[in-house]
Amino acid sequence: MRYTIDKHERYVVIEPLTSVLDAAAAAFLKGEFMLRNTSGQRNIVLDLAQVQDICEEGIRMGLLAHRLCQGADGMFIITGLTPAVQHILKVAHLDKFFTIVKSITDAEDLIFSNEIQRDLIGGV
């Protein structure tokens, strides 16, 4: 599966370069999320700008990423949703469960806000 990873100091952006997030792509991304999480990345942004369709395994992959990030006191954010994928998440009642933003810049703002709050609470 083709994808890009853009690593930053406090987060990583993963963008699948496929129009369909099928079971094989979802399994591959699950492994990537686990690898990033065990290497210390607690904030993951999944950019789905290229994805037009997502299967049940793709949704489960998102749930796993959410749990991994949450367990590390981080954030899992989805961005770049196409109308078709947004509809699938809405039908599955997950549009309110996931943190979904319009752009990577919005995701970055949320992550930095969360990190500042985390640092302040940790410093007390």
PDB file of N, CA and C in Angstrom:
ATOM      1  N   MET A   1       0.830  -1.176   0.000  1.00  0.00           N
ATOM      2  CA  MET A   1       0.000   0.000   0.000  1.00  0.00           C
ATOM      3  C   MET A   1       0.880   1.248   0.000  1.00  0.00           C
ATOM      4  N   ARG A   2       0.493   2.219  -0.757  1.00  0.00           N
ATOM      5  CA  ARG A   2       1.240   3.475  -0.786  1.00  0.00           C
ATOM      6  C   ARG A   2       0.647   4.457   0.221  1.00  0.00           C
ATOM      7  N   TYR A   3       1.522   5.163   0.902  1.00  0.00           N
ATOM      8  CA  TYR A   3       1.095   6.159   1.879  1.00  0.00           C
ATOM      9  C   TYR A   3       2.263   7.107   2.136  1.00  0.00           C
ATOM     10  N   THR A   4       1.968   8.230   2.766  1.00  0.00           N
ATOM     11  CA  THR A   4       3.034   9.140   3.168  1.00  0.00           C
ATOM     12  C   THR A   4       2.985   9.305   4.678  1.00  0.00           C
ATOM     13  N   ILE A   5       4.152   9.548   5.241  1.00  0.00           N
ATOM     14  CA  ILE A   5       4.255   9.854   6.664  1.00  0.00           C
ATOM     15  C   ILE A   5       5.038  11.154   6.776  1.00  0.00           C
ATOM     16  N   ASP A   6       4.450  12.101   7.460  1.00  0.00           N
ATOM     17  CA  ASP A   6       5.087  13.388   7.687  1.00  0.00           C
ATOM     18  C   ASP A   6       5.290  13.526   9.198  1.00  0.00           C
ATOM     19  N   LYS A   7       6.526  13.343   9.643  1.00  0.00           N
ATOM     20  CA  LYS A   7       6.827  13.363  11.077  1.00  0.00           C
ATOM     21  C   LYS A   7       7.127  14.783  11.541  1.00  0.00           C
ATOM     22  N   HIS A   8       6.544  15.131  12.654  1.00  0.00           N
ATOM     23  CA  HIS A   8       6.787  16.408  13.310  1.00  0.00           C
ATOM     24  C   HIS A   8       7.218  16.119  14.743  1.00  0.00           C
ATOM     25  N   GLU A   9       7.621  17.151  15.447  1.00  0.00           N
ATOM     26  CA  GLU A   9       8.110  16.940  16.810  1.00  0.00           C
ATOM     27  C   GLU A   9       7.061  16.320  17.728  1.00  0.00           C
ATOM     28  N   ARG A  10       5.839  16.786  17.648  1.00  0.00           N
ATOM     29  CA  ARG A  10       4.808  16.332  18.586  1.00  0.00           C
ATOM     30  C   ARG A  10       3.695  15.503  17.954  1.00  0.00           C
ATOM     31  N   TYR A  11       3.770  15.284  16.659  1.00  0.00           N
ATOM     32  CA  TYR A  11       2.729  14.492  16.001  1.00  0.00           C
ATOM     33  C   TYR A  11       3.258  13.936  14.677  1.00  0.00           C
ATOM     34  N   VAL A  12       2.475  13.022  14.127  1.00  0.00           N
ATOM     35  CA  VAL A  12       2.793  12.440  12.828  1.00  0.00           C
ATOM     36  C   VAL A  12       1.520  12.462  11.983  1.00  0.00           C
ATOM     37  N   VAL A  13       1.681  12.772  10.695  1.00  0.00           N
ATOM     38  CA  VAL A  13       0.555  12.762   9.758  1.00  0.00           C
ATOM     39  C   VAL A  13       0.739  11.556   8.833  1.00  0.00           C
ATOM     40  N   ILE A  14      -0.278  10.718   8.781  1.00  0.00           N
ATOM     41  CA  ILE A  14      -0.260   9.563   7.894  1.00  0.00           C
ATOM     42  C   ILE A  14      -1.363   9.761   6.857  1.00  0.00           C
ATOM     43  N   GLU A  15      -0.968   9.665   5.583  1.00  0.00           N
ATOM     44  CA  GLU A  15      -1.935   9.852   4.504  1.00  0.00           C
ATOM     45  C   GLU A  15      -1.899   8.648   3.572  1.00  0.00           C
ATOM     46  N   PRO A  16      -2.960   7.837   3.585  1.00  0.00           N
ATOM     47  CA  PRO A  16      -3.036   6.738   2.625  1.00  0.00           C
ATOM     48  C   PRO A  16      -3.236   7.304   1.220  1.00  0.00           C
ATOM     49  N   LEU A  17      -2.467   6.792   0.263  1.00  0.00           N
ATOM     50  CA  LEU A  17      -2.565   7.249  -1.127  1.00  0.00           C
ATOM     51  C   LEU A  17      -3.369   6.231  -1.921  1.00  0.00           C
ATOM     52  N   THR A  18      -4.597   6.046  -1.511  1.00  0.00           N
ATOM     53  CA  THR A  18      -5.489   5.081  -2.137  1.00  0.00           C
ATOM     54  C   THR A  18      -6.907   5.625  -2.104  1.00  0.00           C
ATOM     55  N   SER A  19      -7.718   5.231  -3.056  1.00  0.00           N
ATOM     56  CA  SER A  19      -9.101   5.707  -3.062  1.00  0.00           C
ATOM     57  C   SER A  19     -10.016   4.828  -2.212  1.00  0.00           C
ATOM     58  N   VAL A  20      -9.582   3.599  -1.936  1.00  0.00           N
ATOM     59  CA  VAL A  20     -10.388   2.679  -1.128  1.00  0.00           C
ATOM     60  C   VAL A  20      -9.547   2.176   0.037  1.00  0.00           C
ATOM     61  N   LEU A  21     -10.044   2.405   1.243  1.00  0.00           N
ATOM     62  CA  LEU A  21      -9.378   1.877   2.427  1.00  0.00           C
ATOM     63  C   LEU A  21     -10.021   0.528   2.730  1.00  0.00           C
ATOM     64  N   ASP A  22      -9.481  -0.522   2.099  1.00  0.00           N
ATOM     65  CA  ASP A  22     -10.040  -1.862   2.253  1.00  0.00           C
ATOM     66  C   ASP A  22      -9.362  -2.586   3.414  1.00  0.00           C
ATOM     67  N   ALA A  23      -9.692  -3.860   3.588  1.00  0.00           N
ATOM     68  CA  ALA A  23      -9.171  -4.638   4.718  1.00  0.00           C
ATOM     69  C   ALA A  23      -7.646  -4.730   4.691  1.00  0.00           C
ATOM     70  N   ALA A  24      -7.058  -4.920   3.514  1.00  0.00           N
ATOM     71  CA  ALA A  24      -5.599  -5.034   3.422  1.00  0.00           C
ATOM     72  C   ALA A  24      -4.922  -3.720   3.803  1.00  0.00           C
ATOM     73  N   ALA A  25      -5.451  -2.611   3.312  1.00  0.00           N
ATOM     74  CA  ALA A  25      -4.885  -1.299   3.648  1.00  0.00           C
ATOM     75  C   ALA A  25      -5.070  -1.001   5.129  1.00  0.00           C
ATOM     76  N   ALA A  26      -6.234  -1.367   5.667  1.00  0.00           N
ATOM     77  CA  ALA A  26      -6.505  -1.142   7.087  1.00  0.00           C
ATOM     78  C   ALA A  26      -5.543  -1.939   7.964  1.00  0.00           C
ATOM     79  N   ALA A  27      -5.275  -3.187   7.592  1.00  0.00           N
ATOM     80  CA  ALA A  27      -4.339  -4.018   8.359  1.00  0.00           C
ATOM     81  C   ALA A  27      -2.942  -3.405   8.332  1.00  0.00           C
ATOM     82  N   PHE A  28      -2.543  -2.920   7.190  1.00  0.00           N
ATOM     83  CA  PHE A  28      -1.232  -2.286   7.069  1.00  0.00           C
ATOM     84  C   PHE A  28      -1.164  -1.040   7.955  1.00  0.00           C
ATOM     85  N   LEU A  29      -2.198  -0.210   7.917  1.00  0.00           N
ATOM     86  CA  LEU A  29      -2.215   1.012   8.723  1.00  0.00           C
ATOM     87  C   LEU A  29      -2.269   0.717  10.219  1.00  0.00           C
ATOM     88  N   LYS A  30      -2.972  -0.349  10.602  1.00  0.00           N
ATOM     89  CA  LYS A  30      -2.985  -0.748  12.023  1.00  0.00           C
ATOM     90  C   LYS A  30      -1.558  -0.984  12.510  1.00  0.00           C
ATOM     91  N   GLY A  31      -0.797  -1.707  11.720  1.00  0.00           N
ATOM     92  CA  GLY A  31       0.596  -1.966  12.078  1.00  0.00           C
ATOM     93  C   GLY A  31       1.395  -0.676  12.174  1.00  0.00           C
ATOM     94  N   GLU A  32       1.154   0.237  11.267  1.00  0.00           N
ATOM     95  CA  GLU A  32       1.849   1.525  11.275  1.00  0.00           C
ATOM     96  C   GLU A  32       1.483   2.327  12.520  1.00  0.00           C
ATOM     97  N   PHE A  33       0.201   2.315  12.892  1.00  0.00           N
ATOM     98  CA  PHE A  33      -0.227   3.028  14.100  1.00  0.00           C
ATOM     99  C   PHE A  33       0.421   2.434  15.343  1.00  0.00           C
ATOM    100  N   MET A  34       0.460   1.107  15.421  1.00  0.00           N
ATOM    101  CA  MET A  34       1.077   0.465  16.584  1.00  0.00           C
ATOM    102  C   MET A  34       2.566   0.764  16.646  1.00  0.00           C
ATOM    103  N   LEU A  35       3.231   0.752  15.512  1.00  0.00           N
ATOM    104  CA  LEU A  35       4.646   1.080  15.463  1.00  0.00           C
ATOM    105  C   LEU A  35       4.896   2.512  15.931  1.00  0.00           C
ATOM    106  N   ARG A  36       4.121   3.446  15.439  1.00  0.00           N
ATOM    107  CA  ARG A  36       4.273   4.852  15.836  1.00  0.00           C
ATOM    108  C   ARG A  36       4.009   5.025  17.324  1.00  0.00           C
ATOM    109  N   ASN A  37       2.994   4.343  17.822  1.00  0.00           N
ATOM    110  CA  ASN A  37       2.640   4.457  19.234  1.00  0.00           C
ATOM    111  C   ASN A  37       3.728   3.885  20.134  1.00  0.00           C
ATOM    112  N   THR A  38       4.258   2.732  19.784  1.00  0.00           N
ATOM    113  CA  THR A  38       5.296   2.129  20.629  1.00  0.00           C
ATOM    114  C   THR A  38       6.620   2.886  20.538  1.00  0.00           C
ATOM    115  N   SER A  39       6.789   3.677  19.473  1.00  0.00           N
ATOM    116  CA  SER A  39       8.019   4.469  19.364  1.00  0.00           C
ATOM    117  C   SER A  39       7.872   5.848  19.998  1.00  0.00           C
ATOM    118  N   GLY A  40       6.743   6.073  20.683  1.00  0.00           N
ATOM    119  CA  GLY A  40       6.591   7.301  21.447  1.00  0.00           C
ATOM    120  C   GLY A  40       5.705   8.368  20.844  1.00  0.00           C
ATOM    121  N   GLN A  41       5.166   8.145  19.653  1.00  0.00           N
ATOM    122  CA  GLN A  41       4.247   9.124  19.069  1.00  0.00           C
ATOM    123  C   GLN A  41       2.882   8.954  19.718  1.00  0.00           C
ATOM    124  N   ARG A  42       2.407   9.988  20.400  1.00  0.00           N
ATOM    125  CA  ARG A  42       1.090   9.872  21.033  1.00  0.00           C
ATOM    126  C   ARG A  42       0.014  10.626  20.261  1.00  0.00           C
ATOM    127  N   ASN A  43       0.420  11.445  19.284  1.00  0.00           N
ATOM    128  CA  ASN A  43      -0.530  12.211  18.485  1.00  0.00           C
ATOM    129  C   ASN A  43      -0.412  11.805  17.022  1.00  0.00           C
ATOM    130  N   ILE A  44      -1.527  11.317  16.475  1.00  0.00           N
ATOM    131  CA  ILE A  44      -1.544  10.859  15.090  1.00  0.00           C
ATOM    132  C   ILE A  44      -2.663  11.580  14.346  1.00  0.00           C
ATOM    133  N   VAL A  45      -2.322  12.113  13.182  1.00  0.00           N
ATOM    134  CA  VAL A  45      -3.306  12.720  12.290  1.00  0.00           C
ATOM    135  C   VAL A  45      -3.423  11.801  11.076  1.00  0.00           C
ATOM    136  N   LEU A  46      -4.638  11.383  10.782  1.00  0.00           N
ATOM    137  CA  LEU A  46      -4.907  10.550   9.614  1.00  0.00           C
ATOM    138  C   LEU A  46      -5.577  11.426   8.564  1.00  0.00           C
ATOM    139  N   ASP A  47      -4.875  11.668   7.470  1.00  0.00           N
ATOM    140  CA  ASP A  47      -5.385  12.509   6.390  1.00  0.00           C
ATOM    141  C   ASP A  47      -6.024  11.612   5.330  1.00  0.00           C
ATOM    142  N   LEU A  48      -7.341  11.685   5.230  1.00  0.00           N
ATOM    143  CA  LEU A  48      -8.082  10.820   4.305  1.00  0.00           C
ATOM    144  C   LEU A  48      -8.512  11.546   3.037  1.00  0.00           C
ATOM    145  N   ALA A  49      -7.763  12.555   2.642  1.00  0.00           N
ATOM    146  CA  ALA A  49      -8.125  13.369   1.476  1.00  0.00           C
ATOM    147  C   ALA A  49      -8.233  12.551   0.188  1.00  0.00           C
ATOM    148  N   GLN A  50      -7.456  11.483   0.057  1.00  0.00           N
ATOM    149  CA  GLN A  50      -7.464  10.662  -1.165  1.00  0.00           C
ATOM    150  C   GLN A  50      -8.502   9.539  -1.120  1.00  0.00           C
ATOM    151  N   VAL A  51      -9.025   9.260   0.075  1.00  0.00           N
ATOM    152  CA  VAL A  51      -9.897   8.090   0.278  1.00  0.00           C
ATOM    153  C   VAL A  51     -11.350   8.443  -0.046  1.00  0.00           C
ATOM    154  N   GLN A  52     -11.934   7.644  -0.946  1.00  0.00           N
ATOM    155  CA  GLN A  52     -13.325   7.840  -1.351  1.00  0.00           C
ATOM    156  C   GLN A  52     -14.270   6.813  -0.722  1.00  0.00           C
ATOM    157  N   ASP A  53     -13.714   5.693  -0.257  1.00  0.00           N
ATOM    158  CA  ASP A  53     -14.543   4.631   0.331  1.00  0.00           C
ATOM    159  C   ASP A  53     -13.745   3.951   1.422  1.00  0.00           C
ATOM    160  N   ILE A  54     -14.445   3.524   2.453  1.00  0.00           N
ATOM    161  CA  ILE A  54     -13.796   2.878   3.592  1.00  0.00           C
ATOM    162  C   ILE A  54     -14.660   1.699   4.028  1.00  0.00           C
ATOM    163  N   CYS A  55     -14.009   0.569   4.281  1.00  0.00           N
ATOM    164  CA  CYS A  55     -14.746  -0.627   4.698  1.00  0.00           C
ATOM    165  C   CYS A  55     -14.809  -0.694   6.227  1.00  0.00           C
ATOM    166  N   GLU A  56     -15.477  -1.721   6.722  1.00  0.00           N
ATOM    167  CA  GLU A  56     -15.615  -1.908   8.167  1.00  0.00           C
ATOM    168  C   GLU A  56     -14.249  -2.042   8.841  1.00  0.00           C
ATOM    169  N   GLU A  57     -13.319  -2.736   8.198  1.00  0.00           N
ATOM    170  CA  GLU A  57     -11.975  -2.883   8.766  1.00  0.00           C
ATOM    171  C   GLU A  57     -11.268  -1.530   8.863  1.00  0.00           C
ATOM    172  N   GLY A  58     -11.534  -0.657   7.909  1.00  0.00           N
ATOM    173  CA  GLY A  58     -10.969   0.685   7.954  1.00  0.00           C
ATOM    174  C   GLY A  58     -11.484   1.472   9.140  1.00  0.00           C
ATOM    175  N   ILE A  59     -12.753   1.300   9.442  1.00  0.00           N
ATOM    176  CA  ILE A  59     -13.335   1.967  10.612  1.00  0.00           C
ATOM    177  C   ILE A  59     -12.732   1.398  11.892  1.00  0.00           C
ATOM    178  N   ARG A  60     -12.582   0.088  11.955  1.00  0.00           N
ATOM    179  CA  ARG A  60     -11.955  -0.534  13.138  1.00  0.00           C
ATOM    180  C   ARG A  60     -10.523  -0.059  13.321  1.00  0.00           C
ATOM    181  N   MET A  61      -9.813   0.144  12.211  1.00  0.00           N
ATOM    182  CA  MET A  61      -8.453   0.651  12.263  1.00  0.00           C
ATOM    183  C   MET A  61      -8.445   2.023  12.940  1.00  0.00           C
ATOM    184  N   GLY A  62      -9.422   2.853  12.608  1.00  0.00           N
ATOM    185  CA  GLY A  62      -9.536   4.158  13.245  1.00  0.00           C
ATOM    186  C   GLY A  62      -9.820   4.049  14.727  1.00  0.00           C
ATOM    187  N   LEU A  63     -10.658   3.106  15.105  1.00  0.00           N
ATOM    188  CA  LEU A  63     -10.960   2.897  16.531  1.00  0.00           C
ATOM    189  C   LEU A  63      -9.718   2.461  17.297  1.00  0.00           C
ATOM    190  N   LEU A  64      -8.908   1.590  16.692  1.00  0.00           N
ATOM    191  CA  LEU A  64      -7.660   1.156  17.325  1.00  0.00           C
ATOM    192  C   LEU A  64      -6.715   2.344  17.498  1.00  0.00           C
ATOM    193  N   ALA A  65      -6.559   3.143  16.457  1.00  0.00           N
ATOM    194  CA  ALA A  65      -5.673   4.311  16.532  1.00  0.00           C
ATOM    195  C   ALA A  65      -6.146   5.268  17.618  1.00  0.00           C
ATOM    196  N   HIS A  66      -7.450   5.448  17.717  1.00  0.00           N
ATOM    197  CA  HIS A  66      -8.014   6.317  18.752  1.00  0.00           C
ATOM    198  C   HIS A  66      -7.651   5.800  20.149  1.00  0.00           C
ATOM    199  N   ARG A  67      -7.813   4.498  20.368  1.00  0.00           N
ATOM    200  CA  ARG A  67      -7.488   3.900  21.679  1.00  0.00           C
ATOM    201  C   ARG A  67      -6.001   4.012  21.990  1.00  0.00           C
ATOM    202  N   LEU A  68      -5.152   3.763  20.985  1.00  0.00           N
ATOM    203  CA  LEU A  68      -3.705   3.858  21.197  1.00  0.00           C
ATOM    204  C   LEU A  68      -3.300   5.273  21.611  1.00  0.00           C
ATOM    205  N   CYS A  69      -3.800   6.251  20.894  1.00  0.00           N
ATOM    206  CA  CYS A  69      -3.449   7.643  21.204  1.00  0.00           C
ATOM    207  C   CYS A  69      -4.018   8.065  22.555  1.00  0.00           C
ATOM    208  N   GLN A  70      -5.242   7.689  22.817  1.00  0.00           N
ATOM    209  CA  GLN A  70      -5.875   8.042  24.081  1.00  0.00           C
ATOM    210  C   GLN A  70      -5.131   7.391  25.248  1.00  0.00           C
ATOM    211  N   GLY A  71      -4.700   6.165  25.076  1.00  0.00           N
ATOM    212  CA  GLY A  71      -3.959   5.465  26.120  1.00  0.00           C
ATOM    213  C   GLY A  71      -2.612   6.096  26.422  1.00  0.00           C
ATOM    214  N   ALA A  72      -2.079   6.852  25.464  1.00  0.00           N
ATOM    215  CA  ALA A  72      -0.793   7.535  25.645  1.00  0.00           C
ATOM    216  C   ALA A  72      -0.993   9.017  25.965  1.00  0.00           C
ATOM    217  N   ASP A  73      -2.223   9.389  26.361  1.00  0.00           N
ATOM    218  CA  ASP A  73      -2.573  10.788  26.643  1.00  0.00           C
ATOM    219  C   ASP A  73      -2.369  11.678  25.431  1.00  0.00           C
ATOM    220  N   GLY A  74      -2.633  11.144  24.261  1.00  0.00           N
ATOM    221  CA  GLY A  74      -2.493  11.908  23.034  1.00  0.00           C
ATOM    222  C   GLY A  74      -3.812  12.035  22.314  1.00  0.00           C
ATOM    223  N   MET A  75      -3.723  12.405  21.041  1.00  0.00           N
ATOM    224  CA  MET A  75      -4.916  12.619  20.232  1.00  0.00           C
ATOM    225  C   MET A  75      -4.802  11.878  18.903  1.00  0.00           C
ATOM    226  N   PHE A  76      -5.930  11.338  18.465  1.00  0.00           N
ATOM    227  CA  PHE A  76      -6.066  10.790  17.125  1.00  0.00           C
ATOM    228  C   PHE A  76      -7.056  11.686  16.401  1.00  0.00           C
ATOM    229  N   ILE A  77      -6.608  12.303  15.319  1.00  0.00           N
ATOM    230  CA  ILE A  77      -7.429  13.262  14.597  1.00  0.00           C
ATOM    231  C   ILE A  77      -7.529  12.836  13.135  1.00  0.00           C
ATOM    232  N   ILE A  78      -8.734  12.925  12.604  1.00  0.00           N
ATOM    233  CA  ILE A  78      -8.967  12.626  11.195  1.00  0.00           C
ATOM    234  C   ILE A  78      -9.213  13.943  10.466  1.00  0.00           C
ATOM    235  N   THR A  79      -8.605  14.084   9.306  1.00  0.00           N
ATOM    236  CA  THR A  79      -8.794  15.271   8.489  1.00  0.00           C
ATOM    237  C   THR A  79      -8.951  14.879   7.026  1.00  0.00           C
ATOM    238  N   GLY A  80      -9.400  15.827   6.233  1.00  0.00           N
ATOM    239  CA  GLY A  80      -9.503  15.601   4.795  1.00  0.00           C
ATOM    240  C   GLY A  80     -10.618  14.667   4.381  1.00  0.00           C
ATOM    241  N   LEU A  81     -11.684  14.607   5.158  1.00  0.00           N
ATOM    242  CA  LEU A  81     -12.772  13.689   4.816  1.00  0.00           C
ATOM    243  C   LEU A  81     -13.489  14.107   3.535  1.00  0.00           C
ATOM    244  N   THR A  82     -13.664  13.142   2.664  1.00  0.00           N
ATOM    245  CA  THR A  82     -14.495  13.362   1.488  1.00  0.00           C
ATOM    246  C   THR A  82     -15.952  13.199   1.916  1.00  0.00           C
ATOM    247  N   PRO A  83     -16.893  13.744   1.163  1.00  0.00           N
ATOM    248  CA  PRO A  83     -18.302  13.579   1.542  1.00  0.00           C
ATOM    249  C   PRO A  83     -18.725  12.116   1.692  1.00  0.00           C
ATOM    250  N   ALA A  84     -18.205  11.239   0.837  1.00  0.00           N
ATOM    251  CA  ALA A  84     -18.574   9.821   0.905  1.00  0.00           C
ATOM    252  C   ALA A  84     -18.115   9.185   2.214  1.00  0.00           C
ATOM    253  N   VAL A  85     -16.875   9.437   2.615  1.00  0.00           N
ATOM    254  CA  VAL A  85     -16.351   8.852   3.856  1.00  0.00           C
ATOM    255  C   VAL A  85     -17.033   9.497   5.058  1.00  0.00           C
ATOM    256  N   GLN A  86     -17.285  10.788   4.978  1.00  0.00           N
ATOM    257  CA  GLN A  86     -17.988  11.469   6.067  1.00  0.00           C
ATOM    258  C   GLN A  86     -19.371  10.840   6.260  1.00  0.00           C
ATOM    259  N   HIS A  87     -20.042  10.512   5.163  1.00  0.00           N
ATOM    260  CA  HIS A  87     -21.357   9.872   5.239  1.00  0.00           C
ATOM    261  C   HIS A  87     -21.255   8.489   5.899  1.00  0.00           C
ATOM    262  N   ILE A  88     -20.244   7.728   5.539  1.00  0.00           N
ATOM    263  CA  ILE A  88     -20.058   6.391   6.128  1.00  0.00           C
ATOM    264  C   ILE A  88     -19.870   6.509   7.641  1.00  0.00           C
ATOM    265  N   LEU A  89     -19.050   7.445   8.082  1.00  0.00           N
ATOM    266  CA  LEU A  89     -18.826   7.636   9.523  1.00  0.00           C
ATOM    267  C   LEU A  89     -20.103   8.095  10.225  1.00  0.00           C
ATOM    268  N   LYS A  90     -20.876   8.911   9.545  1.00  0.00           N
ATOM    269  CA  LYS A  90     -22.135   9.384  10.129  1.00  0.00           C
ATOM    270  C   LYS A  90     -23.126   8.230  10.283  1.00  0.00           C
ATOM    271  N   VAL A  91     -23.232   7.393   9.269  1.00  0.00           N
ATOM    272  CA  VAL A  91     -24.132   6.236   9.325  1.00  0.00           C
ATOM    273  C   VAL A  91     -23.718   5.289  10.454  1.00  0.00           C
ATOM    274  N   ALA A  92     -22.407   5.150  10.662  1.00  0.00           N
ATOM    275  CA  ALA A  92     -21.888   4.281  11.728  1.00  0.00           C
ATOM    276  C   ALA A  92     -21.917   4.973  13.099  1.00  0.00           C
ATOM    277  N   HIS A  93     -22.422   6.198  13.149  1.00  0.00           N
ATOM    278  CA  HIS A  93     -22.491   7.005  14.379  1.00  0.00           C
ATOM    279  C   HIS A  93     -21.124   7.248  14.987  1.00  0.00           C
ATOM    280  N   LEU A  94     -20.109   7.382  14.136  1.00  0.00           N
ATOM    281  CA  LEU A  94     -18.755   7.635  14.610  1.00  0.00           C
ATOM    282  C   LEU A  94     -18.281   9.052  14.280  1.00  0.00           C
ATOM    283  N   ASP A  95     -19.134   9.814  13.618  1.00  0.00           N
ATOM    284  CA  ASP A  95     -18.754  11.184  13.269  1.00  0.00           C
ATOM    285  C   ASP A  95     -18.593  12.054  14.518  1.00  0.00           C
ATOM    286  N   LYS A  96     -19.250  11.701  15.608  1.00  0.00           N
ATOM    287  CA  LYS A  96     -19.110  12.448  16.864  1.00  0.00           C
ATOM    288  C   LYS A  96     -18.062  11.805  17.786  1.00  0.00           C
ATOM    289  N   PHE A  97     -17.734  10.540  17.531  1.00  0.00           N
ATOM    290  CA  PHE A  97     -16.752   9.828  18.351  1.00  0.00           C
ATOM    291  C   PHE A  97     -15.334  10.274  18.033  1.00  0.00           C
ATOM    292  N   PHE A  98     -15.016  10.355  16.750  1.00  0.00           N
ATOM    293  CA  PHE A  98     -13.681  10.755  16.325  1.00  0.00           C
ATOM    294  C   PHE A  98     -13.547  12.274  16.368  1.00  0.00           C
ATOM    295  N   THR A  99     -12.319  12.731  16.563  1.00  0.00           N
ATOM    296  CA  THR A  99     -12.021  14.148  16.407  1.00  0.00           C
ATOM    297  C   THR A  99     -11.760  14.367  14.924  1.00  0.00           C
ATOM    298  N   ILE A 100     -12.644  15.120  14.285  1.00  0.00           N
ATOM    299  CA  ILE A 100     -12.559  15.356  12.846  1.00  0.00           C
ATOM    300  C   ILE A 100     -12.425  16.852  12.621  1.00  0.00           C
ATOM    301  N   VAL A 101     -11.415  17.226  11.851  1.00  0.00           N
ATOM    302  CA  VAL A 101     -11.202  18.637  11.513  1.00  0.00           C
ATOM    303  C   VAL A 101     -11.060  18.773   9.998  1.00  0.00           C
ATOM    304  N   LYS A 102     -11.151  20.002   9.539  1.00  0.00           N
ATOM    305  CA  LYS A 102     -11.117  20.243   8.092  1.00  0.00           C
ATOM    306  C   LYS A 102      -9.720  20.213   7.490  1.00  0.00           C
ATOM    307  N   SER A 103      -8.703  20.591   8.278  1.00  0.00           N
ATOM    308  CA  SER A 103      -7.359  20.703   7.695  1.00  0.00           C
ATOM    309  C   SER A 103      -6.292  20.229   8.674  1.00  0.00           C
ATOM    310  N   ILE A 104      -5.119  19.999   8.141  1.00  0.00           N
ATOM    311  CA  ILE A 104      -3.980  19.615   8.981  1.00  0.00           C
ATOM    312  C   ILE A 104      -3.614  20.762   9.920  1.00  0.00           C
ATOM    313  N   THR A 105      -3.779  21.994   9.456  1.00  0.00           N
ATOM    314  CA  THR A 105      -3.506  23.153  10.314  1.00  0.00           C
ATOM    315  C   THR A 105      -4.426  23.150  11.530  1.00  0.00           C
ATOM    316  N   ASP A 106      -5.702  22.826  11.334  1.00  0.00           N
ATOM    317  CA  ASP A 106      -6.636  22.735  12.459  1.00  0.00           C
ATOM    318  C   ASP A 106      -6.234  21.608  13.405  1.00  0.00           C
ATOM    319  N   ALA A 107      -5.787  20.492  12.849  1.00  0.00           N
ATOM    320  CA  ALA A 107      -5.329  19.365  13.671  1.00  0.00           C
ATOM    321  C   ALA A 107      -4.110  19.778  14.493  1.00  0.00           C
ATOM    322  N   GLU A 108      -3.187  20.472  13.849  1.00  0.00           N
ATOM    323  CA  GLU A 108      -1.986  20.941  14.533  1.00  0.00           C
ATOM    324  C   GLU A 108      -2.344  21.867  15.694  1.00  0.00           C
ATOM    325  N   ASP A 109      -3.285  22.775  15.473  1.00  0.00           N
ATOM    326  CA  ASP A 109      -3.729  23.685  16.537  1.00  0.00           C
ATOM    327  C   ASP A 109      -4.301  22.914  17.722  1.00  0.00           C
ATOM    328  N   LEU A 110      -5.119  21.906  17.445  1.00  0.00           N
ATOM    329  CA  LEU A 110      -5.693  21.085  18.523  1.00  0.00           C
ATOM    330  C   LEU A 110      -4.605  20.337  19.291  1.00  0.00           C
ATOM    331  N   ILE A 111      -3.667  19.784  18.564  1.00  0.00           N
ATOM    332  CA  ILE A 111      -2.592  19.025  19.211  1.00  0.00           C
ATOM    333  C   ILE A 111      -1.750  19.929  20.091  1.00  0.00           C
ATOM    334  N   PHE A 112      -1.360  21.082  19.578  1.00  0.00           N
ATOM    335  CA  PHE A 112      -0.534  21.980  20.387  1.00  0.00           C
ATOM    336  C   PHE A 112      -1.289  22.487  21.603  1.00  0.00           C
ATOM    337  N   SER A 113      -2.575  22.765  21.446  1.00  0.00           N
ATOM    338  CA  SER A 113      -3.391  23.180  22.581  1.00  0.00           C
ATOM    339  C   SER A 113      -3.441  22.079  23.638  1.00  0.00           C
ATOM    340  N   ASN A 114      -3.645  20.839  23.180  1.00  0.00           N
ATOM    341  CA  ASN A 114      -3.683  19.698  24.097  1.00  0.00           C
ATOM    342  C   ASN A 114      -2.330  19.483  24.775  1.00  0.00           C
ATOM    343  N   GLU A 115      -1.248  19.640  24.030  1.00  0.00           N
ATOM    344  CA  GLU A 115       0.095  19.459  24.594  1.00  0.00           C
ATOM    345  C   GLU A 115       0.412  20.538  25.636  1.00  0.00           C
ATOM    346  N   ILE A 116       0.019  21.778  25.364  1.00  0.00           N
ATOM    347  CA  ILE A 116       0.243  22.860  26.335  1.00  0.00           C
ATOM    348  C   ILE A 116      -0.544  22.582  27.610  1.00  0.00           C
ATOM    349  N   GLN A 117      -1.795  22.191  27.450  1.00  0.00           N
ATOM    350  CA  GLN A 117      -2.615  21.862  28.615  1.00  0.00           C
ATOM    351  C   GLN A 117      -2.021  20.690  29.388  1.00  0.00           C
ATOM    352  N   ARG A 118      -1.560  19.702  28.683  1.00  0.00           N
ATOM    353  CA  ARG A 118      -0.936  18.519  29.297  1.00  0.00           C
ATOM    354  C   ARG A 118       0.311  18.921  30.079  1.00  0.00           C
ATOM    355  N   ASP A 119       1.144  19.788  29.468  1.00  0.00           N
ATOM    356  CA  ASP A 119       2.361  20.252  30.140  1.00  0.00           C
ATOM    357  C   ASP A 119       2.035  21.070  31.388  1.00  0.00           C
ATOM    358  N   LEU A 120       1.004  21.913  31.320  1.00  0.00           N
ATOM    359  CA  LEU A 120       0.614  22.720  32.481  1.00  0.00           C
ATOM    360  C   LEU A 120       0.094  21.858  33.622  1.00  0.00           C
ATOM    361  N   ILE A 121      -0.714  20.895  33.287  1.00  0.00           N
ATOM    362  CA  ILE A 121      -1.246  20.000  34.326  1.00  0.00           C
ATOM    363  C   ILE A 121      -0.134  19.148  34.919  1.00  0.00           C
ATOM    364  N   GLY A 122       0.770  18.688  34.055  1.00  0.00           N
ATOM    365  CA  GLY A 122       1.899  17.878  34.524  1.00  0.00           C
ATOM    366  C   GLY A 122       2.876  18.666  35.375  1.00  0.00           C
ATOM    367  N   GLY A 123       2.941  19.988  35.158  1.00  0.00           N
ATOM    368  CA  GLY A 123       3.886  20.822  35.888  1.00  0.00           C
ATOM    369  C   GLY A 123       3.387  21.271  37.239  1.00  0.00           C
ATOM    370  N   VAL A 124       2.111  20.996  37.559  1.00  0.00           N
ATOM    371  CA  VAL A 124       1.539  21.427  38.844  1.00  0.00           C
ATOM    372  C   VAL A 124       1.964  20.524  39.953  1.00  0.00           C
TER     373      VAL A 124
END
